[in-house]
Amino acid sequence: MLTIALPKGRIAEETLEIFTEIFGGEFKFESRKLILDIGEFRFLNVRNQDVPTYVEHGAADIGIVGLDVITEKELDIIKLLDMQLGKCKVSIGIKNEDELDWNKPNIKVASKMVNITKNYFAQKAVGVEVVKLYGSIELAPLVGLVDAIVDIVETGATMRENGLKVAEDIMDSSAHLIANKNSYYSKKEEILSLYEKINQVVQDRA
């Protein structure tokens, strides 16, 4: 049996649609259930941020999670496939009337993506102080807590509605199929067989 960790929400639904397309039958989590067993597959419905942790520790053989989460957590897993789902960017946001000043000795940034933020500012050779926030991050620059934010941007609407603009994009992100290293070797045939089927659907949809 292959255990597959899926992030809650839209990506999980779109992934289960792909499985329905490949294998027929209905792949769907019942209301609040967290485990779905169908045939040779067991699906786990977990928080987006937790998917790579389940995979790295072997509680799931494979998983589907955004490249931003993989990059932020710097985990020891195998990236198999860009599934072209949940496309977004990780961007720096600032107040509409501000400009991003790369000559400042130190910039204060609010984000839950501490590693991505620190690494990006280090590449620019600019000091950064990261204030870790988990929600309503757009508020932080408006009340003077920080100079800028680093956050996921899909359409930019949330920033615009709150008087912010995208100053710079850090990276593109989309959902990736990842594998646990041990599982990849011990269940290589099953994983690669599934990879081929998923890849075919992704290519057909492109």
C-alpha atoms as a PDB file:
ATOM      1  CA  MET A   1       0.000   0.000   0.000  1.00  0.00           C
ATOM      2  CA  LEU A   2       1.182   3.507  -0.835  1.00  0.00           C
ATOM      3  CA  THR A   3       0.446   6.238   1.720  1.00  0.00           C
ATOM      4  CA  ILE A   4      -0.034   9.681   0.216  1.00  0.00           C
ATOM      5  CA  ALA A   5      -0.144  12.912   2.253  1.00  0.00           C
ATOM      6  CA  LEU A   6      -2.347  15.603   0.721  1.00  0.00           C
ATOM      7  CA  PRO A   7      -2.720  19.225   1.838  1.00  0.00           C
ATOM      8  CA  LYS A   8      -6.243  20.181   2.905  1.00  0.00           C
ATOM      9  CA  GLY A   9      -8.334  22.271   0.533  1.00  0.00           C
ATOM     10  CA  ARG A  10      -8.164  22.886  -3.198  1.00  0.00           C
ATOM     11  CA  ILE A  11      -4.918  20.996  -3.922  1.00  0.00           C
ATOM     12  CA  ALA A  12      -6.280  17.847  -2.216  1.00  0.00           C
ATOM     13  CA  GLU A  13      -9.492  18.064  -4.236  1.00  0.00           C
ATOM     14  CA  GLU A  14      -7.646  18.588  -7.523  1.00  0.00           C
ATOM     15  CA  THR A  15      -5.266  15.710  -6.718  1.00  0.00           C
ATOM     16  CA  LEU A  16      -8.145  13.344  -5.941  1.00  0.00           C
ATOM     17  CA  GLU A  17      -9.725  14.388  -9.270  1.00  0.00           C
ATOM     18  CA  ILE A  18      -6.499  13.275 -10.971  1.00  0.00           C
ATOM     19  CA  PHE A  19      -6.728   9.896  -9.175  1.00  0.00           C
ATOM     20  CA  THR A  20     -10.366   9.568 -10.236  1.00  0.00           C
ATOM     21  CA  GLU A  21      -9.257  10.269 -13.817  1.00  0.00           C
ATOM     22  CA  ILE A  22      -6.459   7.677 -13.652  1.00  0.00           C
ATOM     23  CA  PHE A  23      -8.189   4.851 -11.792  1.00  0.00           C
ATOM     24  CA  GLY A  24     -11.924   5.532 -12.190  1.00  0.00           C
ATOM     25  CA  GLY A  25     -14.226   5.280  -9.185  1.00  0.00           C
ATOM     26  CA  GLU A  26     -14.578   8.167  -6.770  1.00  0.00           C
ATOM     27  CA  PHE A  27     -11.684   9.408  -4.660  1.00  0.00           C
ATOM     28  CA  LYS A  28     -13.151  11.705  -2.032  1.00  0.00           C
ATOM     29  CA  PHE A  29     -12.694  12.373   1.693  1.00  0.00           C
ATOM     30  CA  GLU A  30     -15.916  11.973   3.679  1.00  0.00           C
ATOM     31  CA  SER A  31     -16.801  15.208   5.564  1.00  0.00           C
ATOM     32  CA  ARG A  32     -14.270  15.392   8.414  1.00  0.00           C
ATOM     33  CA  LYS A  33     -12.407  12.128   7.819  1.00  0.00           C
ATOM     34  CA  LEU A  34      -8.614  12.420   7.741  1.00  0.00           C
ATOM     35  CA  ILE A  35      -7.832   9.009   6.205  1.00  0.00           C
ATOM     36  CA  LEU A  36      -9.169   7.610   2.933  1.00  0.00           C
ATOM     37  CA  ASP A  37      -8.384   4.009   1.939  1.00  0.00           C
ATOM     38  CA  ILE A  38      -9.080   2.996  -1.659  1.00  0.00           C
ATOM     39  CA  GLY A  39      -7.519  -0.098  -3.197  1.00  0.00           C
ATOM     40  CA  GLU A  40      -3.752   0.093  -2.919  1.00  0.00           C
ATOM     41  CA  PHE A  41      -3.778   3.701  -1.713  1.00  0.00           C
ATOM     42  CA  ARG A  42      -4.147   5.387   1.657  1.00  0.00           C
ATOM     43  CA  PHE A  43      -4.616   9.169   1.573  1.00  0.00           C
ATOM     44  CA  LEU A  44      -3.928  11.387   4.578  1.00  0.00           C
ATOM     45  CA  ASN A  45      -5.621  14.803   4.769  1.00  0.00           C
ATOM     46  CA  VAL A  46      -3.135  17.057   6.599  1.00  0.00           C
ATOM     47  CA  ARG A  47      -2.225  20.720   6.904  1.00  0.00           C
ATOM     48  CA  ASN A  48      -0.240  22.069   3.962  1.00  0.00           C
ATOM     49  CA  GLN A  49       2.768  22.916   6.158  1.00  0.00           C
ATOM     50  CA  ASP A  50       2.816  19.387   7.613  1.00  0.00           C
ATOM     51  CA  VAL A  51       2.844  17.378   4.357  1.00  0.00           C
ATOM     52  CA  PRO A  52       6.658  17.310   3.915  1.00  0.00           C
ATOM     53  CA  THR A  53       7.114  16.414   7.599  1.00  0.00           C
ATOM     54  CA  TYR A  54       4.881  13.333   7.207  1.00  0.00           C
ATOM     55  CA  VAL A  55       6.869  12.393   4.099  1.00  0.00           C
ATOM     56  CA  GLU A  56      10.330  13.041   5.533  1.00  0.00           C
ATOM     57  CA  HIS A  57       9.580  10.950   8.633  1.00  0.00           C
ATOM     58  CA  GLY A  58       8.098   8.096   6.597  1.00  0.00           C
ATOM     59  CA  ALA A  59       4.503   8.354   7.873  1.00  0.00           C
ATOM     60  CA  ALA A  60       3.654   8.918   4.190  1.00  0.00           C
ATOM     61  CA  ASP A  61       5.541   7.456   1.228  1.00  0.00           C
ATOM     62  CA  ILE A  62       4.735  10.358  -1.059  1.00  0.00           C
ATOM     63  CA  GLY A  63       3.006  13.698  -0.732  1.00  0.00           C
ATOM     64  CA  ILE A  64       1.869  16.757  -2.604  1.00  0.00           C
ATOM     65  CA  VAL A  65       2.874  20.186  -1.361  1.00  0.00           C
ATOM     66  CA  GLY A  66       3.823  23.651  -2.578  1.00  0.00           C
ATOM     67  CA  LEU A  67       7.414  24.330  -3.597  1.00  0.00           C
ATOM     68  CA  ASP A  68       7.384  27.286  -1.163  1.00  0.00           C
ATOM     69  CA  VAL A  69       6.821  24.887   1.777  1.00  0.00           C
ATOM     70  CA  ILE A  70       9.546  22.501   0.552  1.00  0.00           C
ATOM     71  CA  THR A  71      11.989  25.411   0.144  1.00  0.00           C
ATOM     72  CA  GLU A  72      11.123  26.926   3.526  1.00  0.00           C
ATOM     73  CA  LYS A  73      11.465  23.664   5.474  1.00  0.00           C
ATOM     74  CA  GLU A  74      14.728  22.602   3.741  1.00  0.00           C
ATOM     75  CA  LEU A  75      13.801  18.935   4.248  1.00  0.00           C
ATOM     76  CA  ASP A  76      15.575  15.826   3.035  1.00  0.00           C
ATOM     77  CA  ILE A  77      13.046  14.475   0.522  1.00  0.00           C
ATOM     78  CA  ILE A  78      12.948  13.628  -3.203  1.00  0.00           C
ATOM     79  CA  LYS A  79      11.147  16.016  -5.565  1.00  0.00           C
ATOM     80  CA  LEU A  80       9.492  13.968  -8.304  1.00  0.00           C
ATOM     81  CA  LEU A  81       7.179  16.207 -10.318  1.00  0.00           C
ATOM     82  CA  ASP A  82       5.809  19.726 -10.688  1.00  0.00           C
ATOM     83  CA  MET A  83       2.077  19.067 -10.815  1.00  0.00           C
ATOM     84  CA  GLN A  84       1.234  22.539 -12.165  1.00  0.00           C
ATOM     85  CA  LEU A  85      -1.448  22.985  -9.478  1.00  0.00           C
ATOM     86  CA  GLY A  86      -1.930  25.873  -7.056  1.00  0.00           C
ATOM     87  CA  LYS A  87       0.393  28.220  -8.906  1.00  0.00           C
ATOM     88  CA  CYS A  88       1.422  31.312  -6.964  1.00  0.00           C
ATOM     89  CA  LYS A  89       4.431  33.463  -6.149  1.00  0.00           C
ATOM     90  CA  VAL A  90       6.295  34.286  -2.975  1.00  0.00           C
ATOM     91  CA  SER A  91       6.616  38.068  -3.061  1.00  0.00           C
ATOM     92  CA  ILE A  92       7.730  41.082  -1.070  1.00  0.00           C
ATOM     93  CA  GLY A  93       4.873  43.473  -0.308  1.00  0.00           C
ATOM     94  CA  ILE A  94       5.165  47.099   0.812  1.00  0.00           C
ATOM     95  CA  LYS A  95       2.817  50.058   1.323  1.00  0.00           C
ATOM     96  CA  ASN A  96       1.663  51.694  -1.927  1.00  0.00           C
ATOM     97  CA  GLU A  97       3.483  54.932  -1.138  1.00  0.00           C
ATOM     98  CA  ASP A  98       6.755  53.198  -0.195  1.00  0.00           C
ATOM     99  CA  GLU A  99       9.700  52.013  -2.273  1.00  0.00           C
ATOM    100  CA  LEU A 100      11.935  49.084  -1.312  1.00  0.00           C
ATOM    101  CA  ASP A 101      15.284  50.591  -0.361  1.00  0.00           C
ATOM    102  CA  TRP A 102      18.037  48.012  -0.827  1.00  0.00           C
ATOM    103  CA  ASN A 103      20.580  50.516   0.497  1.00  0.00           C
ATOM    104  CA  LYS A 104      19.113  50.459   3.999  1.00  0.00           C
ATOM    105  CA  PRO A 105      21.460  48.677   6.417  1.00  0.00           C
ATOM    106  CA  ASN A 106      18.584  46.664   7.846  1.00  0.00           C
ATOM    107  CA  ILE A 107      15.028  45.935   6.688  1.00  0.00           C
ATOM    108  CA  LYS A 108      12.308  44.671   9.015  1.00  0.00           C
ATOM    109  CA  VAL A 109      10.058  42.060   7.379  1.00  0.00           C
ATOM    110  CA  ALA A 110       7.001  40.148   8.606  1.00  0.00           C
ATOM    111  CA  SER A 111       6.570  36.598   7.293  1.00  0.00           C
ATOM    112  CA  LYS A 112       5.911  33.006   8.262  1.00  0.00           C
ATOM    113  CA  MET A 113       8.572  32.048   5.661  1.00  0.00           C
ATOM    114  CA  VAL A 114      11.621  32.884   7.740  1.00  0.00           C
ATOM    115  CA  ASN A 115      14.217  30.853   5.786  1.00  0.00           C
ATOM    116  CA  ILE A 116      13.082  31.995   2.342  1.00  0.00           C
ATOM    117  CA  THR A 117      13.107  35.603   3.549  1.00  0.00           C
ATOM    118  CA  LYS A 118      16.528  35.403   5.209  1.00  0.00           C
ATOM    119  CA  ASN A 119      18.112  33.637   2.227  1.00  0.00           C
ATOM    120  CA  TYR A 120      16.724  36.136  -0.285  1.00  0.00           C
ATOM    121  CA  PHE A 121      17.896  39.176   1.658  1.00  0.00           C
ATOM    122  CA  ALA A 122      21.281  37.522   2.230  1.00  0.00           C
ATOM    123  CA  GLN A 123      21.651  37.163  -1.570  1.00  0.00           C
ATOM    124  CA  LYS A 124      21.047  40.907  -1.802  1.00  0.00           C
ATOM    125  CA  ALA A 125      23.632  41.469   0.960  1.00  0.00           C
ATOM    126  CA  VAL A 126      21.049  43.336   3.025  1.00  0.00           C
ATOM    127  CA  GLY A 127      20.487  42.816   6.742  1.00  0.00           C
ATOM    128  CA  VAL A 128      16.987  41.603   7.600  1.00  0.00           C
ATOM    129  CA  GLU A 129      15.056  41.257  10.828  1.00  0.00           C
ATOM    130  CA  VAL A 130      12.206  38.765  10.374  1.00  0.00           C
ATOM    131  CA  VAL A 131       9.115  39.112  12.556  1.00  0.00           C
ATOM    132  CA  LYS A 132       7.262  35.785  12.409  1.00  0.00           C
ATOM    133  CA  LEU A 133       3.521  36.200  11.890  1.00  0.00           C
ATOM    134  CA  TYR A 134       0.933  33.575  10.926  1.00  0.00           C
ATOM    135  CA  GLY A 135      -2.138  35.576   9.920  1.00  0.00           C
ATOM    136  CA  SER A 136      -3.398  39.001   8.781  1.00  0.00           C
ATOM    137  CA  ILE A 137       0.169  39.697   7.716  1.00  0.00           C
ATOM    138  CA  GLU A 138      -0.897  42.675   5.537  1.00  0.00           C
ATOM    139  CA  LEU A 139      -1.620  44.606   8.735  1.00  0.00           C
ATOM    140  CA  ALA A 140       2.032  44.643   9.860  1.00  0.00           C
ATOM    141  CA  PRO A 141       3.407  47.365   7.523  1.00  0.00           C
ATOM    142  CA  LEU A 142       0.225  49.455   7.857  1.00  0.00           C
ATOM    143  CA  VAL A 143       0.707  49.914  11.602  1.00  0.00           C
ATOM    144  CA  GLY A 144       4.473  50.364  11.425  1.00  0.00           C
ATOM    145  CA  LEU A 145       5.467  46.971  12.825  1.00  0.00           C
ATOM    146  CA  VAL A 146       7.639  46.263   9.767  1.00  0.00           C
ATOM    147  CA  ASP A 147       8.901  47.816   6.507  1.00  0.00           C
ATOM    148  CA  ALA A 148       7.674  44.956   4.306  1.00  0.00           C
ATOM    149  CA  ILE A 149       6.069  41.514   4.224  1.00  0.00           C
ATOM    150  CA  VAL A 150       6.975  38.292   2.439  1.00  0.00           C
ATOM    151  CA  ASP A 151       3.899  36.274   1.582  1.00  0.00           C
ATOM    152  CA  ILE A 152       2.165  34.022  -0.942  1.00  0.00           C
ATOM    153  CA  VAL A 153       0.538  35.984  -3.761  1.00  0.00           C
ATOM    154  CA  GLU A 154      -1.989  34.404  -6.137  1.00  0.00           C
ATOM    155  CA  THR A 155      -3.755  37.394  -7.689  1.00  0.00           C
ATOM    156  CA  GLY A 156      -2.439  40.222  -5.510  1.00  0.00           C
ATOM    157  CA  ALA A 157      -6.010  41.188  -4.569  1.00  0.00           C
ATOM    158  CA  THR A 158      -5.482  40.847  -0.799  1.00  0.00           C
ATOM    159  CA  MET A 159      -2.478  43.176  -0.912  1.00  0.00           C
ATOM    160  CA  ARG A 160      -4.273  45.716  -3.099  1.00  0.00           C
ATOM    161  CA  GLU A 161      -7.334  45.730  -0.842  1.00  0.00           C
ATOM    162  CA  ASN A 162      -5.080  46.582   2.092  1.00  0.00           C
ATOM    163  CA  GLY A 163      -3.113  49.395   0.448  1.00  0.00           C
ATOM    164  CA  LEU A 164      -0.060  47.276  -0.367  1.00  0.00           C
ATOM    165  CA  LYS A 165       1.752  46.494  -3.612  1.00  0.00           C
ATOM    166  CA  VAL A 166       4.175  43.800  -4.764  1.00  0.00           C
ATOM    167  CA  ALA A 167       7.671  45.277  -4.698  1.00  0.00           C
ATOM    168  CA  GLU A 168       9.486  42.178  -5.930  1.00  0.00           C
ATOM    169  CA  ASP A 169       8.869  38.476  -6.588  1.00  0.00           C
ATOM    170  CA  ILE A 170      11.146  36.030  -4.774  1.00  0.00           C
ATOM    171  CA  MET A 171      10.065  32.722  -6.341  1.00  0.00           C
ATOM    172  CA  ASP A 172       7.335  30.913  -8.259  1.00  0.00           C
ATOM    173  CA  SER A 173       5.582  28.089  -6.489  1.00  0.00           C
ATOM    174  CA  SER A 174       3.222  25.268  -7.433  1.00  0.00           C
ATOM    175  CA  ALA A 175       2.319  21.884  -5.965  1.00  0.00           C
ATOM    176  CA  HIS A 176       5.023  19.232  -6.272  1.00  0.00           C
ATOM    177  CA  LEU A 177       4.899  15.457  -5.889  1.00  0.00           C
ATOM    178  CA  ILE A 178       7.544  14.472  -3.318  1.00  0.00           C
ATOM    179  CA  ALA A 179       8.751  11.129  -1.956  1.00  0.00           C
ATOM    180  CA  ASN A 180      10.326   9.783   1.209  1.00  0.00           C
ATOM    181  CA  LYS A 181      13.885   8.639   0.412  1.00  0.00           C
ATOM    182  CA  ASN A 182      13.536   5.158   1.960  1.00  0.00           C
ATOM    183  CA  SER A 183      10.119   4.597   0.368  1.00  0.00           C
ATOM    184  CA  TYR A 184      11.497   5.652  -2.994  1.00  0.00           C
ATOM    185  CA  TYR A 185      13.932   2.740  -2.885  1.00  0.00           C
ATOM    186  CA  SER A 186      11.790   0.151  -1.095  1.00  0.00           C
ATOM    187  CA  LYS A 187       8.636   0.888  -3.155  1.00  0.00           C
ATOM    188  CA  LYS A 188      10.295   2.236  -6.270  1.00  0.00           C
ATOM    189  CA  GLU A 189       8.159   0.281  -8.732  1.00  0.00           C
ATOM    190  CA  GLU A 190       4.813   1.419  -7.236  1.00  0.00           C
ATOM    191  CA  ILE A 191       5.981   5.038  -6.850  1.00  0.00           C
ATOM    192  CA  LEU A 192       7.366   5.300 -10.385  1.00  0.00           C
ATOM    193  CA  SER A 193       4.286   3.618 -11.842  1.00  0.00           C
ATOM    194  CA  LEU A 194       2.066   6.198 -10.097  1.00  0.00           C
ATOM    195  CA  TYR A 195       4.446   9.006 -11.069  1.00  0.00           C
ATOM    196  CA  GLU A 196       4.128   8.017 -14.752  1.00  0.00           C
ATOM    197  CA  LYS A 197       0.307   8.021 -14.565  1.00  0.00           C
ATOM    198  CA  ILE A 198       0.142  11.389 -12.776  1.00  0.00           C
ATOM    199  CA  ASN A 199       2.721  12.885 -15.134  1.00  0.00           C
ATOM    200  CA  GLN A 200       0.628  11.788 -18.120  1.00  0.00           C
ATOM    201  CA  VAL A 201      -2.442  13.621 -16.747  1.00  0.00           C
ATOM    202  CA  VAL A 202      -0.359  16.729 -15.957  1.00  0.00           C
ATOM    203  CA  GLN A 203       1.062  16.737 -19.515  1.00  0.00           C
ATOM    204  CA  ASP A 204      -2.403  16.195 -21.063  1.00  0.00           C
ATOM    205  CA  ARG A 205      -3.770  19.151 -19.085  1.00  0.00           C
ATOM    206  CA  ALA A 206      -0.891  21.471 -19.942  1.00  0.00           C
END
